[in-house]
């Protein structure tokens, strides 16, 4: 028999239900993050590359853990482990520090910053 999902595969009748429900790349699927629907092959492939709700690990491995893709840019602007330029980079301080260490850096380098 031909698959009812129109994948083009010929399946023995005894395996048809299993194929249609769990194996066929053309079976209907939904994204567990944003609930979009589409063919299983698309949802598991291309869609996951762009899904705004897909949880991504913080690249800095902070305590937040995972963040939806659509919120990652905002998270990185606040992440305590994000490496940032010193506030005084425009006058010559070339240090790059974790955001959480910014105040300590400014205290520790105050004399150097005043000399810039």
Protein backbone atom coordinates (compact mmCIF):
# COMPACT_ATOMS: atom_id res chain seq x y z
CA UNK A 1 0.00 0.00 0.00
CA UNK A 2 1.06 3.57 -0.57
CA UNK A 3 1.54 5.81 2.46
CA UNK A 4 -1.53 7.98 3.10
CA UNK A 5 0.74 10.90 4.06
CA UNK A 6 1.90 10.97 0.44
CA UNK A 7 5.59 10.38 1.16
CA UNK A 8 5.60 8.02 -1.82
CA UNK A 9 6.73 4.98 0.13
CA UNK A 10 5.13 1.59 -0.47
CA UNK A 11 4.37 -0.11 2.85
CA UNK A 12 3.08 -3.57 3.66
CA UNK A 13 -0.40 -3.30 5.14
CA UNK A 14 0.75 -4.70 8.51
CA UNK A 15 3.31 -1.87 8.88
CA UNK A 16 1.18 0.95 7.46
CA UNK A 17 -0.24 2.25 10.75
CA UNK A 18 3.16 2.31 12.39
CA UNK A 19 4.71 4.07 9.40
CA UNK A 20 1.95 6.69 9.10
CA UNK A 21 1.89 7.50 12.82
CA UNK A 22 5.53 7.26 13.89
CA UNK A 23 7.96 6.84 10.99
CA UNK A 24 6.78 8.82 7.98
CA UNK A 25 8.75 12.03 7.39
CA UNK A 26 5.51 13.57 6.04
CA UNK A 27 3.40 12.82 9.13
CA UNK A 28 1.92 15.81 10.90
CA UNK A 29 3.98 17.13 13.78
CA UNK A 30 3.99 20.19 15.98
CA UNK A 31 6.77 22.15 17.57
CA UNK A 32 6.84 21.54 21.30
CA UNK A 33 8.05 25.10 21.85
CA UNK A 34 5.88 27.35 19.66
CA UNK A 35 3.19 24.81 18.65
CA UNK A 36 3.52 25.47 14.90
CA UNK A 37 2.33 22.53 12.85
CA UNK A 38 3.84 20.99 9.75
CA UNK A 39 5.43 17.88 8.35
CA UNK A 40 7.63 16.06 10.85
CA UNK A 41 10.71 16.38 8.65
CA UNK A 42 10.27 20.18 8.42
CA UNK A 43 9.47 20.71 12.11
CA UNK A 44 12.45 18.64 13.25
CA UNK A 45 14.79 20.18 10.68
CA UNK A 46 14.39 23.65 9.23
CA UNK A 47 11.88 24.89 11.79
CA UNK A 48 14.16 24.16 14.75
CA UNK A 49 16.80 26.39 13.14
CA UNK A 50 14.49 29.42 13.37
CA UNK A 51 11.87 28.66 16.03
CA UNK A 52 11.68 31.76 18.26
CA UNK A 53 10.57 29.74 21.29
CA UNK A 54 13.26 27.03 21.06
CA UNK A 55 15.26 26.96 24.27
CA UNK A 56 18.94 27.68 23.75
CA UNK A 57 21.70 27.35 26.30
CA UNK A 58 23.23 30.63 27.39
CA UNK A 59 26.59 30.74 25.57
CA UNK A 60 28.15 32.04 28.79
CA UNK A 61 26.79 29.09 30.77
CA UNK A 62 25.24 31.38 33.40
CA UNK A 63 22.85 30.24 36.11
CA UNK A 64 19.81 31.00 33.92
CA UNK A 65 20.62 27.92 31.86
CA UNK A 66 18.31 28.10 28.84
CA UNK A 67 16.59 31.04 27.17
CA UNK A 68 14.07 31.13 24.30
CA UNK A 69 15.79 32.10 21.04
CA UNK A 70 13.64 35.24 20.79
CA UNK A 71 14.92 36.43 24.19
CA UNK A 72 18.60 35.57 23.76
CA UNK A 73 19.71 39.01 22.55
CA UNK A 74 18.05 40.70 25.55
CA UNK A 75 19.50 38.07 27.90
CA UNK A 76 23.02 38.66 26.62
CA UNK A 77 22.62 42.39 27.32
CA UNK A 78 22.01 41.52 30.98
CA UNK A 79 23.90 38.22 31.46
CA UNK A 80 26.36 38.59 34.34
CA UNK A 81 28.88 36.35 32.55
CA UNK A 82 28.79 38.20 29.20
CA UNK A 83 32.22 39.62 28.42
CA UNK A 84 32.00 43.36 27.82
CA UNK A 85 34.38 46.19 27.09
CA UNK A 86 35.39 48.47 29.92
CA UNK A 87 33.21 51.56 30.18
CA UNK A 88 36.36 53.55 29.46
CA UNK A 89 37.32 51.71 26.25
CA UNK A 90 36.70 54.85 24.20
CA UNK A 91 39.52 56.64 26.07
CA UNK A 92 41.97 53.77 26.01
CA UNK A 93 41.16 50.97 28.49
CA UNK A 94 41.34 47.77 26.46
CA UNK A 95 40.26 45.41 29.26
CA UNK A 96 37.36 43.07 28.60
CA UNK A 97 35.60 41.79 31.70
CA UNK A 98 32.55 39.77 32.69
CA UNK A 99 29.61 42.10 33.30
CA UNK A 100 29.43 40.90 36.90
CA UNK A 101 33.01 42.14 37.46
CA UNK A 102 32.50 45.59 35.95
CA UNK A 103 32.23 47.50 39.23
CA UNK A 104 35.23 45.71 40.70
CA UNK A 105 37.22 46.48 37.55
CA UNK A 106 36.33 50.18 37.80
CA UNK A 107 37.42 50.26 41.47
CA UNK A 108 40.62 48.29 40.87
CA UNK A 109 41.64 50.30 37.79
CA UNK A 110 40.47 53.73 38.96
CA UNK A 111 44.00 55.19 39.02
CA UNK A 112 44.75 53.83 35.57
CA UNK A 113 41.47 55.14 34.20
CA UNK A 114 42.21 58.61 35.59
CA UNK A 115 45.54 58.57 33.73
CA UNK A 116 43.89 57.82 30.37
